[in-house]
């Protein structure tokens, strides 16, 4: 696991540029745990309670434009910092 984290974190090269970048393995693991805690909190307290309404209403087309279900907009607004969206975009880039 340690080697995988070192590779993913590019041997912690970002630590000299970014204050929040992990400086070693333990720091990286702690960051990953924090990410999972935040993701779980947003999912449990915002997304999950809205999921049934999102499924029932669904997105819809108005004047040839797609509009999200109203609860989807609440989910996006609930992630006010954009943190969750940013995390998933980063994850998508890493997987690609």
N, C-alpha and C. Protein backbone atom coordinates (compact mmCIF):
# COMPACT_ATOMS: atom_id res chain seq x y z
N UNK A 1 0.83 -1.19 0.00
CA UNK A 1 0.00 0.00 0.00
C UNK A 1 0.88 1.26 0.00
N UNK A 2 1.95 1.20 0.77
CA UNK A 2 2.81 2.37 0.87
C UNK A 2 3.35 2.77 -0.49
N UNK A 3 3.76 1.80 -1.28
CA UNK A 3 4.30 2.10 -2.62
C UNK A 3 3.23 2.69 -3.54
N UNK A 4 2.02 2.18 -3.44
CA UNK A 4 0.91 2.71 -4.25
C UNK A 4 0.66 4.17 -3.91
N UNK A 5 0.65 4.49 -2.62
CA UNK A 5 0.43 5.87 -2.20
C UNK A 5 1.58 6.77 -2.67
N UNK A 6 2.80 6.28 -2.56
CA UNK A 6 3.95 7.07 -3.03
C UNK A 6 3.83 7.37 -4.52
N UNK A 7 3.42 6.39 -5.30
CA UNK A 7 3.24 6.59 -6.74
C UNK A 7 2.10 7.57 -7.02
N UNK A 8 0.98 7.37 -6.33
CA UNK A 8 -0.18 8.25 -6.54
C UNK A 8 0.14 9.68 -6.16
N UNK A 9 0.91 9.84 -5.11
CA UNK A 9 1.27 11.18 -4.62
C UNK A 9 2.57 11.70 -5.27
N UNK A 10 3.06 10.96 -6.26
CA UNK A 10 4.29 11.36 -6.97
C UNK A 10 5.42 11.67 -6.00
N UNK A 11 5.62 10.73 -5.07
CA UNK A 11 6.65 10.89 -4.03
C UNK A 11 6.51 12.20 -3.26
N UNK A 12 5.27 12.65 -3.09
CA UNK A 12 4.94 13.82 -2.26
C UNK A 12 5.55 15.10 -2.81
N UNK A 13 5.68 15.16 -4.13
CA UNK A 13 6.29 16.32 -4.79
C UNK A 13 5.49 17.60 -4.58
N UNK A 14 4.17 17.48 -4.41
CA UNK A 14 3.34 18.68 -4.26
C UNK A 14 3.47 19.33 -2.89
N UNK A 15 4.08 18.66 -1.95
CA UNK A 15 4.20 19.19 -0.59
C UNK A 15 4.97 20.49 -0.55
N UNK A 16 5.90 20.67 -1.46
CA UNK A 16 6.67 21.92 -1.47
C UNK A 16 5.92 23.07 -2.13
N UNK A 17 4.85 22.76 -2.84
CA UNK A 17 4.07 23.78 -3.55
C UNK A 17 2.75 24.11 -2.87
N UNK A 18 2.08 23.09 -2.32
CA UNK A 18 0.74 23.26 -1.76
C UNK A 18 0.75 22.95 -0.26
N UNK A 19 0.17 23.84 0.51
CA UNK A 19 0.14 23.66 1.97
C UNK A 19 -0.60 22.41 2.41
N UNK A 20 -1.66 22.04 1.67
CA UNK A 20 -2.49 20.91 2.07
C UNK A 20 -2.02 19.58 1.50
N UNK A 21 -1.01 19.58 0.65
CA UNK A 21 -0.53 18.33 0.05
C UNK A 21 0.17 17.48 1.12
N UNK A 22 -0.01 16.17 1.04
CA UNK A 22 0.63 15.31 2.04
C UNK A 22 2.15 15.33 1.90
N UNK A 23 2.81 15.21 3.04
CA UNK A 23 4.28 15.24 3.06
C UNK A 23 4.88 13.84 3.19
N UNK A 24 4.07 12.85 3.59
CA UNK A 24 4.56 11.49 3.72
C UNK A 24 3.36 10.54 3.70
N UNK A 25 3.66 9.26 3.83
CA UNK A 25 2.63 8.22 3.76
C UNK A 25 1.53 8.43 4.81
N UNK A 26 1.92 8.62 6.06
CA UNK A 26 0.93 8.78 7.13
C UNK A 26 0.03 9.98 6.90
N UNK A 27 0.62 11.06 6.42
CA UNK A 27 -0.14 12.27 6.12
C UNK A 27 -1.13 12.02 4.98
N UNK A 28 -0.68 11.29 3.96
CA UNK A 28 -1.56 10.97 2.83
C UNK A 28 -2.73 10.11 3.29
N UNK A 29 -2.46 9.10 4.11
CA UNK A 29 -3.53 8.23 4.61
C UNK A 29 -4.52 9.03 5.45
N UNK A 30 -4.02 9.94 6.24
CA UNK A 30 -4.91 10.80 7.05
C UNK A 30 -5.78 11.67 6.14
N UNK A 31 -5.20 12.20 5.06
CA UNK A 31 -5.98 12.98 4.09
C UNK A 31 -7.06 12.12 3.45
N UNK A 32 -6.72 10.89 3.08
CA UNK A 32 -7.70 10.00 2.46
C UNK A 32 -8.85 9.70 3.42
N UNK A 33 -8.52 9.50 4.70
CA UNK A 33 -9.57 9.26 5.70
C UNK A 33 -10.49 10.47 5.83
N UNK A 34 -9.90 11.67 5.82
CA UNK A 34 -10.69 12.90 5.89
C UNK A 34 -11.62 13.03 4.69
N UNK A 35 -11.11 12.70 3.50
CA UNK A 35 -11.92 12.74 2.29
C UNK A 35 -13.10 11.79 2.41
N UNK A 36 -12.86 10.59 2.91
CA UNK A 36 -13.94 9.63 3.08
C UNK A 36 -14.96 10.10 4.12
N UNK A 37 -14.51 10.72 5.20
CA UNK A 37 -15.43 11.26 6.21
C UNK A 37 -16.32 12.36 5.62
N UNK A 38 -15.72 13.28 4.89
CA UNK A 38 -16.48 14.38 4.30
C UNK A 38 -17.46 13.85 3.27
N UNK A 39 -17.00 12.93 2.42
CA UNK A 39 -17.87 12.34 1.40
C UNK A 39 -19.04 11.61 2.05
N UNK A 40 -18.76 10.85 3.09
CA UNK A 40 -19.82 10.13 3.80
C UNK A 40 -20.83 11.07 4.43
N UNK A 41 -20.35 12.16 5.01
CA UNK A 41 -21.24 13.14 5.64
C UNK A 41 -22.15 13.79 4.61
N UNK A 42 -21.59 14.23 3.49
CA UNK A 42 -22.40 14.87 2.44
C UNK A 42 -23.41 13.87 1.88
N UNK A 43 -22.95 12.65 1.66
CA UNK A 43 -23.84 11.63 1.10
C UNK A 43 -24.97 11.29 2.05
N UNK A 44 -24.64 11.08 3.33
CA UNK A 44 -25.65 10.67 4.31
C UNK A 44 -26.64 11.78 4.64
N UNK A 45 -26.18 13.02 4.70
CA UNK A 45 -27.03 14.11 5.19
C UNK A 45 -27.67 14.96 4.10
N UNK A 46 -27.18 14.86 2.88
CA UNK A 46 -27.74 15.69 1.81
C UNK A 46 -28.26 14.82 0.66
N UNK A 47 -27.40 14.00 0.10
CA UNK A 47 -27.76 13.26 -1.10
C UNK A 47 -28.78 12.15 -0.82
N UNK A 48 -28.53 11.34 0.20
CA UNK A 48 -29.44 10.22 0.48
C UNK A 48 -30.87 10.66 0.78
N UNK A 49 -31.09 11.68 1.61
CA UNK A 49 -32.47 12.09 1.88
C UNK A 49 -33.21 12.61 0.63
N UNK A 50 -32.46 13.08 -0.36
CA UNK A 50 -33.07 13.62 -1.57
C UNK A 50 -33.20 12.60 -2.70
N UNK A 51 -32.62 11.43 -2.52
CA UNK A 51 -32.51 10.49 -3.63
C UNK A 51 -33.85 10.03 -4.21
N UNK A 52 -34.81 9.74 -3.36
CA UNK A 52 -36.10 9.27 -3.88
C UNK A 52 -36.79 10.36 -4.71
N UNK A 53 -36.74 11.59 -4.23
CA UNK A 53 -37.35 12.70 -4.98
C UNK A 53 -36.65 12.92 -6.32
N UNK A 54 -35.32 12.79 -6.31
CA UNK A 54 -34.57 12.94 -7.56
C UNK A 54 -34.99 11.86 -8.55
N UNK A 55 -35.12 10.63 -8.07
CA UNK A 55 -35.53 9.53 -8.95
C UNK A 55 -36.94 9.74 -9.49
N UNK A 56 -37.85 10.20 -8.62
CA UNK A 56 -39.24 10.37 -9.05
C UNK A 56 -39.40 11.54 -10.03
N UNK A 57 -38.76 12.65 -9.73
CA UNK A 57 -38.90 13.83 -10.60
C UNK A 57 -38.04 13.69 -11.86
N UNK A 58 -36.82 13.29 -11.66
CA UNK A 58 -35.89 13.12 -12.79
C UNK A 58 -35.57 14.44 -13.49
N UNK A 59 -34.60 14.42 -14.37
CA UNK A 59 -34.31 15.61 -15.16
C UNK A 59 -35.38 15.78 -16.23
N UNK A 60 -35.53 16.97 -16.75
CA UNK A 60 -36.53 17.20 -17.78
C UNK A 60 -36.02 18.22 -18.80
N UNK A 61 -36.61 18.19 -19.96
CA UNK A 61 -36.22 19.06 -21.06
C UNK A 61 -37.19 20.22 -21.17
N UNK A 62 -36.67 21.44 -21.08
CA UNK A 62 -37.47 22.65 -21.24
C UNK A 62 -36.78 23.52 -22.28
N UNK A 63 -37.50 23.86 -23.34
CA UNK A 63 -36.94 24.68 -24.42
C UNK A 63 -35.60 24.12 -24.92
N UNK A 64 -35.58 22.82 -25.14
CA UNK A 64 -34.40 22.12 -25.64
C UNK A 64 -33.18 22.22 -24.72
N UNK A 65 -33.42 22.44 -23.44
CA UNK A 65 -32.35 22.48 -22.44
C UNK A 65 -32.68 21.51 -21.33
N UNK A 66 -31.67 20.78 -20.89
CA UNK A 66 -31.87 19.83 -19.81
C UNK A 66 -31.86 20.58 -18.48
N UNK A 67 -32.83 20.27 -17.63
CA UNK A 67 -32.93 20.85 -16.29
C UNK A 67 -32.91 19.71 -15.28
N UNK A 68 -32.07 19.87 -14.26
CA UNK A 68 -32.00 18.87 -13.21
C UNK A 68 -33.29 18.84 -12.40
N UNK A 69 -33.53 17.72 -11.75
CA UNK A 69 -34.60 17.64 -10.76
C UNK A 69 -34.28 18.64 -9.65
N UNK A 70 -35.32 19.20 -9.04
CA UNK A 70 -35.10 20.25 -8.03
C UNK A 70 -34.22 19.77 -6.88
N UNK A 71 -34.37 18.52 -6.47
CA UNK A 71 -33.55 18.00 -5.37
C UNK A 71 -32.10 17.78 -5.80
N UNK A 72 -31.86 17.57 -7.09
CA UNK A 72 -30.48 17.48 -7.58
C UNK A 72 -29.81 18.83 -7.38
N UNK A 73 -30.54 19.90 -7.65
CA UNK A 73 -29.99 21.24 -7.42
C UNK A 73 -29.69 21.45 -5.94
N UNK A 74 -30.56 20.95 -5.07
CA UNK A 74 -30.30 21.03 -3.63
C UNK A 74 -29.02 20.27 -3.27
N UNK A 75 -28.84 19.10 -3.89
CA UNK A 75 -27.63 18.32 -3.63
C UNK A 75 -26.38 19.10 -4.02
N UNK A 76 -26.44 19.74 -5.17
CA UNK A 76 -25.29 20.52 -5.66
C UNK A 76 -25.06 21.71 -4.74
N UNK A 77 -26.12 22.40 -4.35
CA UNK A 77 -25.99 23.55 -3.46
C UNK A 77 -25.52 23.12 -2.06
N UNK A 78 -25.91 21.92 -1.65
CA UNK A 78 -25.50 21.40 -0.35
C UNK A 78 -24.00 21.19 -0.26
N UNK A 79 -23.39 20.95 -1.40
CA UNK A 79 -21.94 20.84 -1.48
C UNK A 79 -21.43 22.25 -1.82
N UNK A 80 -21.69 23.18 -0.91
CA UNK A 80 -21.47 24.60 -1.19
C UNK A 80 -20.05 24.95 -1.59
N UNK A 81 -19.10 24.20 -1.13
CA UNK A 81 -17.72 24.50 -1.49
C UNK A 81 -17.34 23.87 -2.82
N UNK A 82 -18.20 23.00 -3.33
CA UNK A 82 -17.86 22.28 -4.55
C UNK A 82 -16.85 21.18 -4.29
N UNK A 83 -16.64 20.90 -3.02
CA UNK A 83 -15.62 19.95 -2.63
C UNK A 83 -15.87 18.56 -3.22
N UNK A 84 -17.10 18.08 -3.07
CA UNK A 84 -17.39 16.72 -3.52
C UNK A 84 -17.26 16.61 -5.03
N UNK A 85 -17.78 17.60 -5.75
CA UNK A 85 -17.67 17.59 -7.21
C UNK A 85 -16.20 17.62 -7.60
N UNK A 86 -15.42 18.46 -6.96
CA UNK A 86 -13.99 18.53 -7.25
C UNK A 86 -13.27 17.24 -6.96
N UNK A 87 -13.65 16.60 -5.87
CA UNK A 87 -13.02 15.33 -5.51
C UNK A 87 -13.29 14.27 -6.56
N UNK A 88 -14.53 14.21 -7.05
CA UNK A 88 -14.84 13.22 -8.06
C UNK A 88 -14.18 13.52 -9.40
N UNK A 89 -14.04 14.80 -9.73
CA UNK A 89 -13.32 15.16 -10.95
C UNK A 89 -11.87 14.75 -10.86
N UNK A 90 -11.24 14.98 -9.72
CA UNK A 90 -9.86 14.55 -9.52
C UNK A 90 -9.73 13.05 -9.62
N UNK A 91 -10.68 12.35 -9.02
CA UNK A 91 -10.66 10.90 -9.06
C UNK A 91 -10.80 10.41 -10.51
N UNK A 92 -11.67 11.04 -11.28
CA UNK A 92 -11.85 10.66 -12.67
C UNK A 92 -10.56 10.86 -13.47
N UNK A 93 -9.86 11.93 -13.20
CA UNK A 93 -8.60 12.19 -13.90
C UNK A 93 -7.56 11.15 -13.51
N UNK A 94 -7.51 10.78 -12.23
CA UNK A 94 -6.54 9.79 -11.77
C UNK A 94 -6.80 8.43 -12.41
N UNK A 95 -8.06 8.07 -12.57
CA UNK A 95 -8.42 6.77 -13.12
C UNK A 95 -8.16 6.75 -14.61
N UNK A 96 -8.36 7.87 -15.26
CA UNK A 96 -8.18 7.96 -16.71
C UNK A 96 -6.75 7.83 -17.04
